[in-house]
Protein backbone atom coordinates (compact mmCIF):
# COMPACT_ATOMS: atom_id res chain seq x y z
CA UNK A 1 32.66 30.08 -54.18
CA UNK A 2 34.24 30.39 -50.75
CA UNK A 3 33.12 32.63 -47.88
CA UNK A 4 35.53 35.43 -48.74
CA UNK A 5 34.28 35.48 -52.31
CA UNK A 6 30.64 35.63 -51.26
CA UNK A 7 31.39 38.41 -48.79
CA UNK A 8 33.23 40.40 -51.48
CA UNK A 9 30.33 40.08 -53.91
CA UNK A 10 28.01 41.25 -51.13
CA UNK A 11 30.29 44.26 -50.62
CA UNK A 12 30.09 45.09 -54.33
CA UNK A 13 26.29 44.89 -54.23
CA UNK A 14 25.48 46.56 -50.91
CA UNK A 15 28.30 49.07 -50.47
CA UNK A 16 29.53 49.94 -53.96
CA UNK A 17 26.05 49.43 -55.48
CA UNK A 18 27.38 47.81 -58.64
CA UNK A 19 24.85 46.50 -61.12
CA UNK A 20 23.74 42.86 -61.01
CA UNK A 21 25.22 42.34 -64.49
CA UNK A 22 28.65 43.53 -63.28
CA UNK A 23 28.42 41.37 -60.15
CA UNK A 24 27.55 38.30 -62.27
CA UNK A 25 30.61 38.94 -64.46
CA UNK A 26 32.87 39.38 -61.43
CA UNK A 27 31.51 36.18 -59.89
CA UNK A 28 32.51 34.29 -63.05
CA UNK A 29 35.94 35.99 -63.05
CA UNK A 30 36.66 35.11 -59.43
CA UNK A 31 35.39 31.54 -59.86
CA UNK A 32 37.77 31.07 -62.81
CA UNK A 33 40.72 32.16 -60.64
CA UNK A 34 39.66 29.96 -57.74
CA UNK A 35 39.24 26.94 -60.03
CA UNK A 36 42.71 27.61 -61.47
CA UNK A 37 44.26 27.71 -57.99
CA UNK A 38 42.43 24.53 -56.98
CA UNK A 39 43.93 22.82 -60.03
CA UNK A 40 47.41 23.90 -58.89
CA UNK A 41 46.57 23.08 -55.26
CA UNK A 42 47.51 26.62 -54.18
CA UNK A 43 45.62 28.56 -51.52
CA UNK A 44 44.28 32.03 -52.43
CA UNK A 45 46.27 33.73 -49.70
CA UNK A 46 49.44 31.97 -50.83
CA UNK A 47 49.21 32.75 -54.55
CA UNK A 48 51.91 35.00 -55.97
CA UNK A 49 53.10 36.67 -59.15
CA UNK A 50 54.06 33.36 -60.76
CA UNK A 51 50.53 31.96 -60.50
CA UNK A 52 49.07 35.25 -61.69
CA UNK A 53 51.30 35.26 -64.80
CA UNK A 54 50.44 31.65 -65.64
CA UNK A 55 46.74 32.49 -65.26
CA UNK A 56 47.09 35.51 -67.58
CA UNK A 57 49.03 33.46 -70.11
CA UNK A 58 46.41 30.73 -70.10
CA UNK A 59 43.62 33.25 -70.78
CA UNK A 60 45.58 34.83 -73.65
CA UNK A 61 46.40 31.51 -75.29
CA UNK A 62 42.75 30.43 -75.06
CA UNK A 63 41.75 33.21 -77.47
CA UNK A 64 39.91 35.26 -74.86
CA UNK A 65 39.39 38.88 -75.92
CA UNK A 66 41.70 41.46 -74.38
CA UNK A 67 38.75 43.41 -72.95
CA UNK A 68 37.52 40.30 -71.10
CA UNK A 69 41.00 39.55 -69.78
CA UNK A 70 41.33 43.14 -68.55
CA UNK A 71 37.97 42.94 -66.78
CA UNK A 72 38.96 39.67 -65.15
CA UNK A 73 42.28 41.18 -64.07
CA UNK A 74 40.49 44.21 -62.60
CA UNK A 75 38.00 42.02 -60.73
CA UNK A 76 40.57 39.71 -59.16
CA UNK A 77 42.93 42.58 -58.32
CA UNK A 78 40.04 44.36 -56.60
CA UNK A 79 39.15 41.18 -54.71
CA UNK A 80 42.68 40.86 -53.34
CA UNK A 81 42.81 44.52 -52.32
CA UNK A 82 39.55 44.02 -50.41
CA UNK A 83 40.96 40.88 -48.74
CA UNK A 84 44.12 42.76 -47.78
CA UNK A 85 42.04 45.36 -45.98
CA UNK A 86 39.54 42.97 -44.42
CA UNK A 87 41.65 39.88 -43.67
CA UNK A 88 45.12 41.47 -43.71
CA UNK A 89 46.35 39.29 -46.56
CA UNK A 90 49.94 40.25 -47.32
CA UNK A 91 50.15 39.96 -51.09
CA UNK A 92 48.08 40.94 -54.13
CA UNK A 93 49.52 38.71 -56.89
CA UNK A 94 48.01 40.94 -59.61
CA UNK A 95 49.28 44.26 -58.24
CA UNK A 96 52.16 44.54 -60.74
CA UNK A 97 50.45 43.05 -63.79
CA UNK A 98 49.44 45.66 -66.36
CA UNK A 99 46.33 45.57 -68.51
CA UNK A 100 46.50 44.52 -72.15
CA UNK A 101 46.44 47.21 -74.81
CA UNK A 102 43.32 47.08 -76.93
CA UNK A 103 42.16 49.12 -79.88
CA UNK A 104 39.13 51.20 -79.02
CA UNK A 105 36.25 50.21 -81.25
CA UNK A 106 33.71 52.78 -82.27
CA UNK A 107 30.27 51.85 -80.91
CA UNK A 108 27.61 50.84 -83.42
CA UNK A 109 24.67 53.20 -83.79
CA UNK A 110 21.51 53.64 -85.83
CA UNK A 111 20.89 56.35 -88.40
CA UNK A 112 17.80 58.55 -88.10
CA UNK A 113 16.11 56.57 -90.86
CA UNK A 114 16.93 53.21 -89.23
CA UNK A 115 15.36 54.38 -85.97
CA UNK A 116 12.23 55.45 -87.82
CA UNK A 117 12.06 52.07 -89.58
CA UNK A 118 12.30 50.23 -86.26
CA UNK A 119 9.56 52.39 -84.71
CA UNK A 120 7.30 51.88 -87.73
CA UNK A 121 7.58 48.10 -87.27
CA UNK A 122 6.03 48.27 -83.79
CA UNK A 123 2.40 47.95 -84.90
CA UNK A 124 -0.71 48.59 -82.79
CA UNK A 125 -2.38 47.19 -79.66
CA UNK A 126 -0.88 47.09 -76.19
CA UNK A 127 2.37 45.42 -77.32
CA UNK A 128 2.87 47.84 -80.19
CA UNK A 129 2.21 50.93 -78.07
CA UNK A 130 4.41 49.57 -75.27
CA UNK A 131 7.25 48.79 -77.67
CA UNK A 132 7.08 52.20 -79.31
CA UNK A 133 7.16 53.92 -75.92
CA UNK A 134 10.06 51.69 -74.84
CA UNK A 135 12.16 52.35 -77.96
CA UNK A 136 11.38 56.07 -77.92
CA UNK A 137 12.46 56.27 -74.26
CA UNK A 138 15.70 54.41 -74.93
CA UNK A 139 16.57 56.75 -77.79
CA UNK A 140 15.23 59.99 -76.28
CA UNK A 141 16.95 59.61 -72.90
CA UNK A 142 20.09 57.66 -73.77
CA UNK A 143 19.45 55.49 -70.70
CA UNK A 144 20.99 52.10 -70.08
CA UNK A 145 18.54 49.24 -70.40
CA UNK A 146 18.61 48.59 -66.65
CA UNK A 147 17.76 52.23 -65.97
CA UNK A 148 14.71 52.06 -68.24
CA UNK A 149 13.53 48.77 -66.73
CA UNK A 150 13.78 50.17 -63.20
CA UNK A 151 11.73 53.30 -63.98
CA UNK A 152 8.58 53.71 -61.90
CA UNK A 153 5.56 55.84 -62.71
CA UNK A 154 6.58 58.14 -59.86
CA UNK A 155 9.95 58.81 -61.51
CA UNK A 156 8.24 60.79 -64.27
CA UNK A 157 7.75 64.52 -63.92
CA UNK A 158 6.41 66.16 -67.05
CA UNK A 159 8.99 65.60 -69.75
CA UNK A 160 11.71 64.59 -67.33
CA UNK A 161 12.54 61.41 -65.43
CA UNK A 162 14.81 60.60 -62.50
CA UNK A 163 16.90 57.49 -63.12
CA UNK A 164 19.32 55.52 -60.94
CA UNK A 165 22.55 54.79 -62.80
CA UNK A 166 25.76 52.92 -62.06
CA UNK A 167 27.03 53.15 -58.53
CA UNK A 168 23.63 54.36 -57.34
CA UNK A 169 24.17 57.77 -58.98
CA UNK A 170 20.86 59.46 -59.76
CA UNK A 171 20.40 61.92 -62.60
CA UNK A 172 17.64 63.70 -64.49
CA UNK A 173 17.04 62.69 -68.11
CA UNK A 174 14.86 64.47 -70.64
CA UNK A 175 11.95 62.98 -72.55
CA UNK A 176 11.60 64.34 -76.08
CA UNK A 177 8.33 65.27 -77.76
CA UNK A 178 7.99 61.98 -79.67
CA UNK A 179 8.78 59.89 -76.61
CA UNK A 180 6.32 61.92 -74.55
CA UNK A 181 3.62 61.36 -77.18
CA UNK A 182 4.37 57.62 -77.27
CA UNK A 183 4.09 57.44 -73.47
CA UNK A 184 0.78 59.32 -73.55
CA UNK A 185 -0.60 56.68 -75.94
CA UNK A 186 0.80 53.76 -73.93
CA UNK A 187 -0.12 54.74 -70.36
CA UNK A 188 -3.94 54.43 -70.65
CA UNK A 189 -3.50 50.86 -71.98
CA UNK A 190 -1.11 50.08 -69.15
CA UNK A 191 -3.75 50.73 -66.45
CA UNK A 192 -5.65 47.50 -66.85
CA UNK A 193 -2.55 45.41 -67.52
CA UNK A 194 -0.54 45.75 -64.30
CA UNK A 195 -0.40 42.68 -62.07
CA UNK A 196 -1.56 42.97 -58.46
CA UNK A 197 1.83 42.98 -56.76
CA UNK A 198 3.25 46.36 -55.62
CA UNK A 199 6.27 46.31 -57.95
CA UNK A 200 4.13 45.75 -61.04
CA UNK A 201 1.76 48.56 -60.05
CA UNK A 202 4.76 50.92 -59.73
CA UNK A 203 6.61 49.85 -62.88
CA UNK A 204 6.46 52.11 -65.91
CA UNK A 205 7.12 49.51 -68.63
CA UNK A 206 5.29 46.19 -68.33
CA UNK A 207 5.66 42.89 -70.12
CA UNK A 208 2.67 41.06 -71.59
CA UNK A 209 2.04 39.34 -68.23
CA UNK A 210 1.68 42.69 -66.49
CA UNK A 211 5.02 42.43 -64.66
CA UNK A 212 7.94 44.85 -64.79
CA UNK A 213 9.82 44.27 -68.02
CA UNK A 214 13.32 42.79 -67.67
CA UNK A 215 16.58 43.64 -69.43
CA UNK A 216 16.45 40.25 -71.12
CA UNK A 217 12.97 41.01 -72.40
CA UNK A 218 14.13 44.33 -73.85
CA UNK A 219 17.07 42.60 -75.55
CA UNK A 220 14.66 40.17 -77.19
CA UNK A 221 12.35 42.94 -78.37
CA UNK A 222 15.11 45.07 -79.89
CA UNK A 223 16.52 42.14 -81.83
CA UNK A 224 13.10 40.98 -82.97
CA UNK A 225 11.98 44.39 -84.23
CA UNK A 226 15.34 45.10 -85.85
CA UNK A 227 14.74 41.97 -87.92
CA UNK A 228 11.17 43.04 -88.73
CA UNK A 229 12.51 46.43 -89.85
CA UNK A 230 15.10 44.66 -92.05
CA UNK A 231 18.00 46.47 -90.39
CA UNK A 232 21.28 45.06 -91.69
CA UNK A 233 23.11 45.35 -88.39
CA UNK A 234 23.05 43.89 -84.89
CA UNK A 235 20.81 45.97 -82.63
CA UNK A 236 20.75 45.79 -78.83
CA UNK A 237 19.23 48.14 -76.23
CA UNK A 238 22.67 49.73 -75.87
CA UNK A 239 22.60 50.59 -79.58
CA UNK A 240 19.91 53.18 -78.74
CA UNK A 241 22.24 54.69 -76.13
CA UNK A 242 25.08 54.85 -78.66
CA UNK A 243 22.69 56.40 -81.20
CA UNK A 244 21.52 59.02 -78.69
CA UNK A 245 25.09 59.98 -77.81
CA UNK A 246 26.26 60.03 -81.41
CA UNK A 247 23.35 62.17 -82.58
CA UNK A 248 23.49 64.76 -79.78
CA UNK A 249 27.23 65.23 -80.31
CA UNK A 250 26.75 65.30 -84.08
CA UNK A 251 24.16 68.05 -83.67
CA UNK A 252 26.63 70.19 -81.74
CA UNK A 253 26.14 69.27 -78.07
CA UNK A 254 29.08 70.04 -75.81
CA UNK A 255 30.93 66.87 -74.80
CA UNK A 256 30.49 67.65 -71.10
CA UNK A 257 26.76 68.06 -71.56
CA UNK A 258 26.70 64.66 -73.28
CA UNK A 259 28.63 63.24 -70.30
CA UNK A 260 25.97 64.53 -67.90
CA UNK A 261 23.11 63.18 -70.02
CA UNK A 262 24.72 59.76 -70.28
CA UNK A 263 25.67 59.60 -66.60
CA UNK A 264 29.34 58.83 -67.31
CA UNK A 265 31.64 59.24 -64.33
CA UNK A 266 34.64 59.95 -66.58
CA UNK A 267 34.79 62.28 -69.57
CA UNK A 268 37.08 59.85 -71.42
CA UNK A 269 34.18 57.39 -71.68
CA UNK A 270 32.09 60.00 -73.48
CA UNK A 271 34.84 61.22 -75.82
CA UNK A 272 34.54 58.19 -78.09
CA UNK A 273 31.28 59.69 -79.38
CA UNK A 274 33.09 62.66 -80.89
CA UNK A 275 33.96 60.51 -83.92
CA UNK A 276 30.84 61.44 -85.88
CA UNK A 277 31.05 65.06 -84.84
CA UNK A 278 34.55 65.20 -86.31
CA UNK A 279 33.37 63.40 -89.46
CA UNK A 280 30.70 66.05 -89.92
CA UNK A 281 33.17 68.89 -89.35
CA UNK A 282 35.56 67.40 -91.92
CA UNK A 283 32.74 67.02 -94.44
CA UNK A 284 31.62 70.62 -93.96
CA UNK A 285 35.22 71.79 -94.27
CA UNK A 286 35.74 69.92 -97.53
CA UNK A 287 32.50 71.30 -98.95
CA UNK A 288 32.98 74.90 -97.87
CA UNK A 289 36.69 75.76 -97.80
CA UNK A 290 38.04 76.61 -101.29
CA UNK A 291 41.48 75.08 -100.64
CA UNK A 292 39.96 71.87 -99.31
CA UNK A 293 38.20 71.03 -102.59
CA UNK A 294 39.79 68.80 -105.17
CA UNK A 295 40.54 70.21 -108.61
CA UNK A 296 37.66 68.32 -110.19
CA UNK A 297 35.28 69.64 -107.54
CA UNK A 298 36.52 73.15 -108.26
CA UNK A 299 35.72 72.78 -111.98
CA UNK A 300 32.12 71.73 -111.33
């Protein structure tokens, strides 16, 4: 990674406040482009539309998913725009290349019963109480895994919490009755577990070594307990967020309220969760409207 690349990543972290996961992805994207140019013996500032098209073609022919290609395109295009402003580079080779069309997949989510099964698998002791509080918080608040991991004790206020989301945006999330009860059971056991360093003493959710739990640790726990609960689907921490959004919309929440709760900057990101709400409306219509019933249903 050259100096310009390192400076750009620093800009993303310190000025735009992008998440570390996003910065890691962008680092990989930019490195792939720089390696490609090195192979062609072309300087970054001298690359043009031809090189950009060959790069895009190579990614497509390699079987890379359209969503990954689009992210890579967005990252490198953003890098060049930053270099144009900072170093007065003349050309952005990706400026006229459009993103690939992709079908929008519905996010996977858990049913109410599946969530209960996962919670029942948590067991007792410190780990069991911690895991139950963790899963209840993920589902009750709809937070991203990084937001939950970064929660401090001081962020809690009754049955509310202040979280820091993408781009450094802070928002209030609500803690439901079951999550509040799970926290009340967990917190007394947490007291004697925290390590001596300041961050561990502040952290709300601890790992078994008394340190702040990490996103990777939460990923491991969700997959492990999904297996213990015999759930026949892939479960990640984000599945709880999808479940939260799906259920609040399904229960009649306004889409803009769901947007606020999820911390989405754009309403279009939230609108994908209306799929189950529409399914429920269609089902109620078919059951209740006399002209919507089939003939056989009408005879019953």
